PDB file of N, CA and C in Angstrom:
ATOM      1  N   MET A   1     -50.414  38.532 -53.492  1.00  0.00           N
ATOM      2  CA  MET A   1     -49.097  38.027 -53.651  1.00  0.00           C
ATOM      3  C   MET A   1     -49.754  36.667 -52.592  1.00  0.00           C
ATOM      4  N   ASN A   2     -49.275  35.548 -53.391  1.00  0.00           N
ATOM      5  CA  ASN A   2     -49.254  34.393 -52.223  1.00  0.00           C
ATOM      6  C   ASN A   2     -48.121  34.076 -51.463  1.00  0.00           C
ATOM      7  N   MET A   3     -48.475  33.154 -50.618  1.00  0.00           N
ATOM      8  CA  MET A   3     -47.411  32.735 -49.558  1.00  0.00           C
ATOM      9  C   MET A   3     -46.286  32.530 -50.054  1.00  0.00           C
ATOM     10  N   GLN A   4     -45.888  31.748 -51.166  1.00  0.00           N
ATOM     11  CA  GLN A   4     -44.679  31.271 -52.173  1.00  0.00           C
ATOM     12  C   GLN A   4     -43.730  32.200 -52.243  1.00  0.00           C
ATOM     13  N   ASN A   5     -44.570  33.245 -53.102  1.00  0.00           N
ATOM     14  CA  ASN A   5     -43.828  34.625 -53.966  1.00  0.00           C
ATOM     15  C   ASN A   5     -43.074  35.117 -52.225  1.00  0.00           C
ATOM     16  N   LEU A   6     -44.128  35.533 -51.440  1.00  0.00           N
ATOM     17  CA  LEU A   6     -43.497  36.253 -50.083  1.00  0.00           C
ATOM     18  C   LEU A   6     -42.226  35.619 -49.365  1.00  0.00           C
ATOM     19  N   MET A   7     -42.598  34.345 -49.510  1.00  0.00           N
ATOM     20  CA  MET A   7     -41.429  33.764 -49.067  1.00  0.00           C
ATOM     21  C   MET A   7     -39.943  33.499 -50.178  1.00  0.00           C
ATOM     22  N   ALA A   8     -40.362  33.524 -51.534  1.00  0.00           N
ATOM     23  CA  ALA A   8     -39.060  34.038 -52.550  1.00  0.00           C
ATOM     24  C   ALA A   8     -38.418  35.189 -51.707  1.00  0.00           C
ATOM     25  N   GLN A   9     -39.164  36.033 -52.185  1.00  0.00           N
ATOM     26  CA  GLN A   9     -39.075  37.336 -51.623  1.00  0.00           C
ATOM     27  C   GLN A   9     -38.120  37.541 -50.492  1.00  0.00           C
ATOM     28  N   ALA A  10     -38.382  36.905 -49.417  1.00  0.00           N
ATOM     29  CA  ALA A  10     -37.648  37.266 -47.994  1.00  0.00           C
ATOM     30  C   ALA A  10     -36.364  36.189 -48.262  1.00  0.00           C
ATOM     31  N   GLN A  11     -36.726  35.139 -48.617  1.00  0.00           N
ATOM     32  CA  GLN A  11     -35.066  34.740 -49.109  1.00  0.00           C
ATOM     33  C   GLN A  11     -33.953  35.519 -50.135  1.00  0.00           C
ATOM     34  N   LYS A  12     -34.475  36.235 -50.892  1.00  0.00           N
ATOM     35  CA  LYS A  12     -33.962  36.964 -52.169  1.00  0.00           C
ATOM     36  C   LYS A  12     -33.136  38.520 -50.990  1.00  0.00           C
ATOM     37  N   ILE A  13     -33.941  38.780 -50.034  1.00  0.00           N
ATOM     38  CA  ILE A  13     -33.809  39.801 -49.382  1.00  0.00           C
ATOM     39  C   ILE A  13     -32.698  38.955 -48.270  1.00  0.00           C
ATOM     40  N   GLN A  14     -33.118  38.166 -47.855  1.00  0.00           N
ATOM     41  CA  GLN A  14     -32.151  37.571 -47.153  1.00  0.00           C
ATOM     42  C   GLN A  14     -30.502  37.194 -47.628  1.00  0.00           C
ATOM     43  N   LYS A  15     -30.703  36.688 -49.135  1.00  0.00           N
ATOM     44  CA  LYS A  15     -29.469  36.428 -49.599  1.00  0.00           C
ATOM     45  C   LYS A  15     -28.548  37.985 -49.734  1.00  0.00           C
ATOM     46  N   ASP A  16     -29.477  38.811 -50.057  1.00  0.00           N
ATOM     47  CA  ASP A  16     -28.771  40.194 -50.741  1.00  0.00           C
ATOM     48  C   ASP A  16     -28.314  40.518 -49.371  1.00  0.00           C
ATOM     49  N   ILE A  17     -28.981  40.749 -48.402  1.00  0.00           N
ATOM     50  CA  ILE A  17     -28.469  41.330 -47.278  1.00  0.00           C
ATOM     51  C   ILE A  17     -26.910  40.486 -46.314  1.00  0.00           C
ATOM     52  N   GLN A  18     -27.117  39.081 -46.651  1.00  0.00           N
ATOM     53  CA  GLN A  18     -25.932  38.487 -46.200  1.00  0.00           C
ATOM     54  C   GLN A  18     -24.894  38.669 -47.337  1.00  0.00           C
ATOM     55  N   LYS A  19     -24.969  39.125 -48.310  1.00  0.00           N
ATOM     56  CA  LYS A  19     -23.449  39.297 -49.420  1.00  0.00           C
ATOM     57  C   LYS A  19     -23.538  40.493 -49.038  1.00  0.00           C
ATOM     58  N   LYS A  20     -24.191  41.281 -48.467  1.00  0.00           N
ATOM     59  CA  LYS A  20     -23.662  42.992 -48.098  1.00  0.00           C
ATOM     60  C   LYS A  20     -22.583  42.933 -47.124  1.00  0.00           C
ATOM     61  N   GLN A  21     -23.083  42.148 -46.383  1.00  0.00           N
ATOM     62  CA  GLN A  21     -22.634  42.035 -44.964  1.00  0.00           C
ATOM     63  C   GLN A  21     -21.479  41.159 -44.888  1.00  0.00           C
ATOM     64  N   ASP A  22     -21.430  40.461 -46.011  1.00  0.00           N
ATOM     65  CA  ASP A  22     -20.049  39.750 -46.361  1.00  0.00           C
ATOM     66  C   ASP A  22     -19.157  40.416 -46.685  1.00  0.00           C
ATOM     67  N   GLU A  23     -19.501  41.628 -47.776  1.00  0.00           N
ATOM     68  CA  GLU A  23     -18.709  42.213 -48.119  1.00  0.00           C
ATOM     69  C   GLU A  23     -18.289  43.681 -47.450  1.00  0.00           C
ATOM     70  N   ILE A  24     -18.842  43.901 -46.390  1.00  0.00           N
ATOM     71  CA  ILE A  24     -18.459  44.884 -45.638  1.00  0.00           C
ATOM     72  C   ILE A  24     -17.620  44.186 -44.436  1.00  0.00           C
ATOM     73  N   ASN A  25     -17.489  42.844 -44.321  1.00  0.00           N
ATOM     74  CA  ASN A  25     -16.477  41.989 -43.173  1.00  0.00           C
ATOM     75  C   ASN A  25     -14.838  41.815 -43.894  1.00  0.00           C
ATOM     76  N   SER A  26     -15.172  41.876 -45.052  1.00  0.00           N
ATOM     77  CA  SER A  26     -13.975  41.337 -45.660  1.00  0.00           C
ATOM     78  C   SER A  26     -13.492  42.538 -45.825  1.00  0.00           C
ATOM     79  N   THR A  27     -14.076  44.001 -46.394  1.00  0.00           N
ATOM     80  CA  THR A  27     -13.427  45.214 -46.455  1.00  0.00           C
ATOM     81  C   THR A  27     -12.399  44.878 -45.065  1.00  0.00           C
ATOM     82  N   VAL A  28     -11.212  46.547 -45.792  1.00  0.00           N
ATOM     83  CA  VAL A  28     -10.515  46.694 -44.642  1.00  0.00           C
ATOM     84  C   VAL A  28     -10.395  48.147 -44.595  1.00  0.00           C
ATOM     85  N   PHE A  29     -10.652  48.622 -43.579  1.00  0.00           N
ATOM     86  CA  PHE A  29     -10.827  50.164 -43.107  1.00  0.00           C
ATOM     87  C   PHE A  29      -9.388  50.396 -42.595  1.00  0.00           C
ATOM     88  N   THR A  30      -8.985  51.599 -42.872  1.00  0.00           N
ATOM     89  CA  THR A  30      -7.709  51.951 -42.328  1.00  0.00           C
ATOM     90  C   THR A  30      -7.655  53.235 -41.713  1.00  0.00           C
ATOM     91  N   THR A  31      -7.005  53.384 -40.379  1.00  0.00           N
ATOM     92  CA  THR A  31      -7.372  55.096 -40.398  1.00  0.00           C
ATOM     93  C   THR A  31      -5.615  55.244 -39.618  1.00  0.00           C
ATOM     94  N   LYS A  32      -5.154  56.447 -39.835  1.00  0.00           N
ATOM     95  CA  LYS A  32      -4.065  56.384 -39.298  1.00  0.00           C
ATOM     96  C   LYS A  32      -3.847  57.914 -39.140  1.00  0.00           C
ATOM     97  N   ASN A  33      -3.155  58.221 -38.024  1.00  0.00           N
ATOM     98  CA  ASN A  33      -2.772  59.414 -37.430  1.00  0.00           C
ATOM     99  C   ASN A  33      -1.133  59.918 -37.257  1.00  0.00           C
ATOM    100  N   GLU A  34      -1.032  60.871 -36.508  1.00  0.00           N
ATOM    101  CA  GLU A  34       0.788  61.181 -36.804  1.00  0.00           C
ATOM    102  C   GLU A  34       1.498  59.795 -35.456  1.00  0.00           C
ATOM    103  N   PHE A  35       0.813  58.977 -35.172  1.00  0.00           N
ATOM    104  CA  PHE A  35       1.719  57.877 -34.290  1.00  0.00           C
ATOM    105  C   PHE A  35       1.072  56.872 -34.539  1.00  0.00           C
ATOM    106  N   VAL A  36       0.036  55.968 -35.322  1.00  0.00           N
ATOM    107  CA  VAL A  36      -0.123  54.490 -35.241  1.00  0.00           C
ATOM    108  C   VAL A  36      -1.156  54.562 -36.470  1.00  0.00           C
ATOM    109  N   GLU A  37      -0.999  53.520 -37.183  1.00  0.00           N
ATOM    110  CA  GLU A  37      -1.969  53.508 -38.600  1.00  0.00           C
ATOM    111  C   GLU A  37      -2.323  51.942 -38.269  1.00  0.00           C
ATOM    112  N   VAL A  38      -3.950  52.308 -38.148  1.00  0.00           N
ATOM    113  CA  VAL A  38      -4.592  50.725 -37.966  1.00  0.00           C
ATOM    114  C   VAL A  38      -5.379  50.190 -39.140  1.00  0.00           C
ATOM    115  N   GLU A  39      -5.043  49.220 -39.092  1.00  0.00           N
ATOM    116  CA  GLU A  39      -6.243  48.480 -40.203  1.00  0.00           C
ATOM    117  C   GLU A  39      -7.023  46.963 -39.451  1.00  0.00           C
ATOM    118  N   MET A  40      -8.592  47.616 -40.016  1.00  0.00           N
ATOM    119  CA  MET A  40      -9.608  46.887 -39.076  1.00  0.00           C
ATOM    120  C   MET A  40     -10.407  46.000 -40.779  1.00  0.00           C
ATOM    121  N   TYR A  41     -10.926  45.012 -40.340  1.00  0.00           N
ATOM    122  CA  TYR A  41     -11.610  44.037 -40.929  1.00  0.00           C
ATOM    123  C   TYR A  41     -13.342  44.809 -40.906  1.00  0.00           C
ATOM    124  N   GLY A  42     -14.036  44.619 -41.413  1.00  0.00           N
ATOM    125  CA  GLY A  42     -15.506  45.297 -41.177  1.00  0.00           C
ATOM    126  C   GLY A  42     -16.236  44.533 -40.060  1.00  0.00           C
ATOM    127  N   SER A  43     -15.521  43.318 -39.588  1.00  0.00           N
ATOM    128  CA  SER A  43     -15.570  42.132 -38.651  1.00  0.00           C
ATOM    129  C   SER A  43     -15.518  42.767 -37.745  1.00  0.00           C
ATOM    130  N   LYS A  44     -14.453  43.958 -37.610  1.00  0.00           N
ATOM    131  CA  LYS A  44     -14.167  44.834 -36.115  1.00  0.00           C
ATOM    132  C   LYS A  44     -12.989  43.894 -35.750  1.00  0.00           C
ATOM    133  N   LYS A  45     -12.575  43.003 -36.663  1.00  0.00           N
ATOM    134  CA  LYS A  45     -11.152  42.151 -36.338  1.00  0.00           C
ATOM    135  C   LYS A  45      -9.970  43.145 -36.896  1.00  0.00           C
ATOM    136  N   ILE A  46      -9.143  43.380 -35.735  1.00  0.00           N
ATOM    137  CA  ILE A  46      -7.854  43.983 -36.344  1.00  0.00           C
ATOM    138  C   ILE A  46      -7.376  43.218 -37.380  1.00  0.00           C
ATOM    139  N   LYS A  47      -7.014  43.674 -38.604  1.00  0.00           N
ATOM    140  CA  LYS A  47      -5.823  43.259 -39.058  1.00  0.00           C
ATOM    141  C   LYS A  47      -4.508  43.538 -38.711  1.00  0.00           C
ATOM    142  N   LYS A  48      -4.192  44.548 -38.852  1.00  0.00           N
ATOM    143  CA  LYS A  48      -2.535  45.112 -38.536  1.00  0.00           C
ATOM    144  C   LYS A  48      -2.473  46.517 -37.782  1.00  0.00           C
ATOM    145  N   ILE A  49      -1.805  46.546 -36.990  1.00  0.00           N
ATOM    146  CA  ILE A  49      -1.471  47.928 -36.264  1.00  0.00           C
ATOM    147  C   ILE A  49       0.044  48.328 -36.216  1.00  0.00           C
ATOM    148  N   LYS A  50       0.269  49.393 -36.830  1.00  0.00           N
ATOM    149  CA  LYS A  50       1.575  49.966 -37.032  1.00  0.00           C
ATOM    150  C   LYS A  50       1.800  51.131 -36.415  1.00  0.00           C
ATOM    151  N   ILE A  51       2.948  51.022 -35.342  1.00  0.00           N
ATOM    152  CA  ILE A  51       3.359  52.142 -34.430  1.00  0.00           C
ATOM    153  C   ILE A  51       4.348  52.779 -35.608  1.00  0.00           C
ATOM    154  N   LEU A  52       4.159  54.161 -35.474  1.00  0.00           N
ATOM    155  CA  LEU A  52       5.278  54.650 -36.395  1.00  0.00           C
ATOM    156  C   LEU A  52       6.281  55.540 -35.609  1.00  0.00           C
ATOM    157  N   LYS A  53       7.284  54.782 -35.760  1.00  0.00           N
ATOM    158  CA  LYS A  53       7.979  54.620 -34.499  1.00  0.00           C
ATOM    159  C   LYS A  53       9.131  56.226 -34.564  1.00  0.00           C
ATOM    160  N   ASP A  54       8.843  56.530 -35.841  1.00  0.00           N
ATOM    161  CA  ASP A  54       9.607  57.969 -35.798  1.00  0.00           C
ATOM    162  C   ASP A  54       9.159  58.912 -35.254  1.00  0.00           C
ATOM    163  N   THR A  55       7.904  58.862 -34.820  1.00  0.00           N
ATOM    164  CA  THR A  55       7.562  59.670 -33.835  1.00  0.00           C
ATOM    165  C   THR A  55       7.564  59.818 -32.415  1.00  0.00           C
ATOM    166  N   LEU A  56       8.091  58.391 -31.901  1.00  0.00           N
ATOM    167  CA  LEU A  56       8.198  58.393 -30.669  1.00  0.00           C
ATOM    168  C   LEU A  56       9.549  59.433 -29.743  1.00  0.00           C
ATOM    169  N   ASN A  57       9.661  59.954 -29.354  1.00  0.00           N
ATOM    170  CA  ASN A  57      11.184  60.603 -28.823  1.00  0.00           C
ATOM    171  C   ASN A  57      11.114  60.204 -27.074  1.00  0.00           C
ATOM    172  N   ASP A  58      10.237  60.383 -26.373  1.00  0.00           N
ATOM    173  CA  ASP A  58      10.346  60.290 -25.403  1.00  0.00           C
ATOM    174  C   ASP A  58       9.519  59.482 -24.276  1.00  0.00           C
ATOM    175  N   ALA A  59       9.210  59.135 -22.935  1.00  0.00           N
ATOM    176  CA  ALA A  59       8.602  58.671 -22.130  1.00  0.00           C
ATOM    177  C   ALA A  59       6.625  58.963 -22.338  1.00  0.00           C
ATOM    178  N   ASP A  60       6.704  60.514 -22.410  1.00  0.00           N
ATOM    179  CA  ASP A  60       5.566  61.209 -22.548  1.00  0.00           C
ATOM    180  C   ASP A  60       4.657  60.554 -23.629  1.00  0.00           C
ATOM    181  N   ASP A  61       5.597  60.195 -25.087  1.00  0.00           N
ATOM    182  CA  ASP A  61       4.701  59.655 -26.081  1.00  0.00           C
ATOM    183  C   ASP A  61       4.123  58.345 -26.000  1.00  0.00           C
ATOM    184  N   ILE A  62       4.475  57.952 -24.846  1.00  0.00           N
ATOM    185  CA  ILE A  62       3.383  56.644 -24.621  1.00  0.00           C
ATOM    186  C   ILE A  62       2.228  56.735 -24.334  1.00  0.00           C
ATOM    187  N   GLU A  63       1.962  57.663 -23.822  1.00  0.00           N
ATOM    188  CA  GLU A  63       0.382  58.013 -22.833  1.00  0.00           C
ATOM    189  C   GLU A  63      -0.056  58.250 -24.550  1.00  0.00           C
ATOM    190  N   THR A  64       0.430  59.729 -25.253  1.00  0.00           N
ATOM    191  CA  THR A  64      -0.045  59.818 -26.535  1.00  0.00           C
ATOM    192  C   THR A  64      -0.286  59.053 -27.440  1.00  0.00           C
ATOM    193  N   LEU A  65       0.391  58.054 -27.478  1.00  0.00           N
ATOM    194  CA  LEU A  65       0.380  56.639 -28.484  1.00  0.00           C
ATOM    195  C   LEU A  65      -0.953  56.030 -28.034  1.00  0.00           C
ATOM    196  N   GLU A  66      -1.105  55.308 -26.672  1.00  0.00           N
ATOM    197  CA  GLU A  66      -2.135  54.815 -26.371  1.00  0.00           C
ATOM    198  C   GLU A  66      -3.562  56.039 -26.779  1.00  0.00           C
ATOM    199  N   ASP A  67      -3.310  57.379 -26.464  1.00  0.00           N
ATOM    200  CA  ASP A  67      -4.648  58.311 -26.981  1.00  0.00           C
ATOM    201  C   ASP A  67      -4.828  58.038 -28.680  1.00  0.00           C
ATOM    202  N   MET A  68      -3.724  57.807 -29.077  1.00  0.00           N
ATOM    203  CA  MET A  68      -4.136  57.667 -30.558  1.00  0.00           C
ATOM    204  C   MET A  68      -4.614  56.240 -31.246  1.00  0.00           C
ATOM    205  N   LEU A  69      -3.800  55.380 -30.318  1.00  0.00           N
ATOM    206  CA  LEU A  69      -4.522  54.004 -30.433  1.00  0.00           C
ATOM    207  C   LEU A  69      -6.132  53.835 -30.354  1.00  0.00           C
ATOM    208  N   GLN A  70      -6.086  54.331 -28.977  1.00  0.00           N
ATOM    209  CA  GLN A  70      -8.067  54.543 -28.929  1.00  0.00           C
ATOM    210  C   GLN A  70      -8.762  55.445 -30.256  1.00  0.00           C
ATOM    211  N   LEU A  71      -8.329  56.355 -30.327  1.00  0.00           N
ATOM    212  CA  LEU A  71      -8.677  57.214 -31.753  1.00  0.00           C
ATOM    213  C   LEU A  71      -9.292  56.578 -32.745  1.00  0.00           C
ATOM    214  N   ALA A  72      -7.816  55.911 -32.962  1.00  0.00           N
ATOM    215  CA  ALA A  72      -7.833  55.064 -34.378  1.00  0.00           C
ATOM    216  C   ALA A  72      -8.775  53.776 -34.406  1.00  0.00           C
ATOM    217  N   PHE A  73      -8.732  53.142 -33.462  1.00  0.00           N
ATOM    218  CA  PHE A  73      -9.540  51.957 -33.487  1.00  0.00           C
ATOM    219  C   PHE A  73     -11.332  52.509 -33.289  1.00  0.00           C
ATOM    220  N   ASN A  74     -11.548  53.704 -32.644  1.00  0.00           N
ATOM    221  CA  ASN A  74     -12.946  54.336 -32.348  1.00  0.00           C
ATOM    222  C   ASN A  74     -13.141  54.584 -33.828  1.00  0.00           C
ATOM    223  N   GLU A  75     -12.027  55.459 -34.667  1.00  0.00           N
ATOM    224  CA  GLU A  75     -12.590  55.621 -36.176  1.00  0.00           C
ATOM    225  C   GLU A  75     -12.910  54.917 -36.784  1.00  0.00           C
ATOM    226  N   SER A  76     -12.111  53.741 -37.094  1.00  0.00           N
ATOM    227  CA  SER A  76     -11.930  52.592 -38.148  1.00  0.00           C
ATOM    228  C   SER A  76     -13.649  52.033 -37.732  1.00  0.00           C
ATOM    229  N   VAL A  77     -13.922  51.545 -36.667  1.00  0.00           N
ATOM    230  CA  VAL A  77     -15.127  51.106 -35.854  1.00  0.00           C
ATOM    231  C   VAL A  77     -16.218  52.139 -36.592  1.00  0.00           C
ATOM    232  N   THR A  78     -16.545  53.594 -36.426  1.00  0.00           N
ATOM    233  CA  THR A  78     -17.076  54.487 -37.271  1.00  0.00           C
ATOM    234  C   THR A  78     -16.900  54.496 -38.179  1.00  0.00           C
ATOM    235  N   GLN A  79     -16.358  54.125 -39.163  1.00  0.00           N
ATOM    236  CA  GLN A  79     -16.143  53.873 -41.048  1.00  0.00           C
ATOM    237  C   GLN A  79     -17.124  52.753 -41.002  1.00  0.00           C
ATOM    238  N   ILE A  80     -16.529  51.625 -40.341  1.00  0.00           N
ATOM    239  CA  ILE A  80     -17.646  50.016 -40.404  1.00  0.00           C
ATOM    240  C   ILE A  80     -18.882  50.470 -39.884  1.00  0.00           C
ATOM    241  N   GLU A  81     -19.331  51.165 -38.977  1.00  0.00           N
ATOM    242  CA  GLU A  81     -20.787  51.314 -38.668  1.00  0.00           C
ATOM    243  C   GLU A  81     -21.314  52.599 -40.064  1.00  0.00           C
ATOM    244  N   GLN A  82     -20.776  53.329 -40.644  1.00  0.00           N
ATOM    245  CA  GLN A  82     -21.354  53.953 -41.622  1.00  0.00           C
ATOM    246  C   GLN A  82     -21.441  53.256 -42.973  1.00  0.00           C
ATOM    247  N   GLU A  83     -20.599  52.344 -43.219  1.00  0.00           N
ATOM    248  CA  GLU A  83     -20.257  51.473 -44.571  1.00  0.00           C
ATOM    249  C   GLU A  83     -21.555  50.421 -44.341  1.00  0.00           C
ATOM    250  N   LYS A  84     -21.937  49.663 -42.508  1.00  0.00           N
ATOM    251  CA  LYS A  84     -22.832  49.148 -42.936  1.00  0.00           C
ATOM    252  C   LYS A  84     -24.273  49.507 -43.031  1.00  0.00           C
ATOM    253  N   GLU A  85     -24.353  50.964 -42.752  1.00  0.00           N
ATOM    254  CA  GLU A  85     -25.203  52.052 -42.925  1.00  0.00           C
ATOM    255  C   GLU A  85     -25.762  52.293 -44.058  1.00  0.00           C
ATOM    256  N   LYS A  86     -24.867  52.424 -44.863  1.00  0.00           N
ATOM    257  CA  LYS A  86     -24.891  52.922 -46.238  1.00  0.00           C
ATOM    258  C   LYS A  86     -25.450  51.895 -47.157  1.00  0.00           C
ATOM    259  N   LYS A  87     -24.763  50.371 -46.934  1.00  0.00           N
ATOM    260  CA  LYS A  87     -25.108  49.169 -47.879  1.00  0.00           C
ATOM    261  C   LYS A  87     -26.325  48.143 -47.125  1.00  0.00           C
ATOM    262  N   LEU A  88     -26.501  48.419 -45.986  1.00  0.00           N
ATOM    263  CA  LEU A  88     -27.786  47.825 -45.151  1.00  0.00           C
ATOM    264  C   LEU A  88     -28.793  48.669 -44.748  1.00  0.00           C
ATOM    265  N   GLY A  89     -28.486  50.035 -44.795  1.00  0.00           N
ATOM    266  CA  GLY A  89     -29.491  50.839 -44.023  1.00  0.00           C
ATOM    267  C   GLY A  89     -31.072  50.748 -44.823  1.00  0.00           C
ATOM    268  N   ALA A  90     -31.170  50.429 -45.889  1.00  0.00           N
ATOM    269  CA  ALA A  90     -32.606  50.460 -46.767  1.00  0.00           C
ATOM    270  C   ALA A  90     -33.185  49.032 -46.301  1.00  0.00           C
ATOM    271  N   TYR A  91     -32.673  47.991 -45.998  1.00  0.00           N
ATOM    272  CA  TYR A  91     -33.069  46.628 -45.234  1.00  0.00           C
ATOM    273  C   TYR A  91     -33.353  47.096 -43.780  1.00  0.00           C
ATOM    274  N   ALA A  92     -32.894  47.728 -42.899  1.00  0.00           N
ATOM    275  CA  ALA A  92     -32.718  48.182 -41.867  1.00  0.00           C
ATOM    276  C   ALA A  92     -34.167  48.596 -41.325  1.00  0.00           C
ATOM    277  N   ASN A  93     -34.313  49.569 -42.457  1.00  0.00           N
ATOM    278  CA  ASN A  93     -35.458  50.770 -42.358  1.00  0.00           C
ATOM    279  C   ASN A  93     -37.042  49.673 -42.856  1.00  0.00           C
ATOM    280  N   GLY A  94     -36.553  49.173 -43.497  1.00  0.00           N
ATOM    281  CA  GLY A  94     -37.918  48.070 -44.103  1.00  0.00           C
ATOM    282  C   GLY A  94     -37.772  47.216 -42.989  1.00  0.00           C
ATOM    283  N   LEU A  95     -36.971  46.549 -42.142  1.00  0.00           N
ATOM    284  CA  LEU A  95     -37.413  45.706 -40.997  1.00  0.00           C
ATOM    285  C   LEU A  95     -37.629  46.055 -39.854  1.00  0.00           C
ATOM    286  N   ASN A  96     -37.783  47.862 -39.650  1.00  0.00           N
ATOM    287  CA  ASN A  96     -38.039  48.003 -38.606  1.00  0.00           C
ATOM    288  C   ASN A  96     -37.326  47.974 -37.502  1.00  0.00           C
ATOM    289  N   GLY A  97     -35.854  47.720 -38.072  1.00  0.00           N
ATOM    290  CA  GLY A  97     -34.104  48.443 -37.313  1.00  0.00           C
ATOM    291  C   GLY A  97     -34.125  46.812 -36.414  1.00  0.00           C
ATOM    292  N   LEU A  98     -34.914  45.703 -37.289  1.00  0.00           N
ATOM    293  CA  LEU A  98     -34.375  44.318 -36.684  1.00  0.00           C
ATOM    294  C   LEU A  98     -32.867  44.133 -36.965  1.00  0.00           C
ATOM    295  N   LEU A  99     -31.851  44.371 -37.849  1.00  0.00           N
ATOM    296  CA  LEU A  99     -30.415  44.165 -38.161  1.00  0.00           C
ATOM    297  C   LEU A  99     -29.618  45.061 -37.303  1.00  0.00           C
TER     298      LEU A  99
END
């Protein structure tokens, strides 16, 4: 394989990776529990937080709400990481983890 073919192949891989990364970044991941609903882009930017106010009855619910927000954010990030692994894992394995 000559150097030009190798460079062309590398550029194609780079374009494929960027396309998949763009897809992930624009995908909305939604997590919902009894207190909150969180929508987060694959870029890990929050799109929307919805507090399900019908579930809040007293001040003790505030601490629970904070815990539920934390869980929802973390679950959304986990979903994003799983999607990245699914779409980009083959590239990362081939590039010795450079991604």
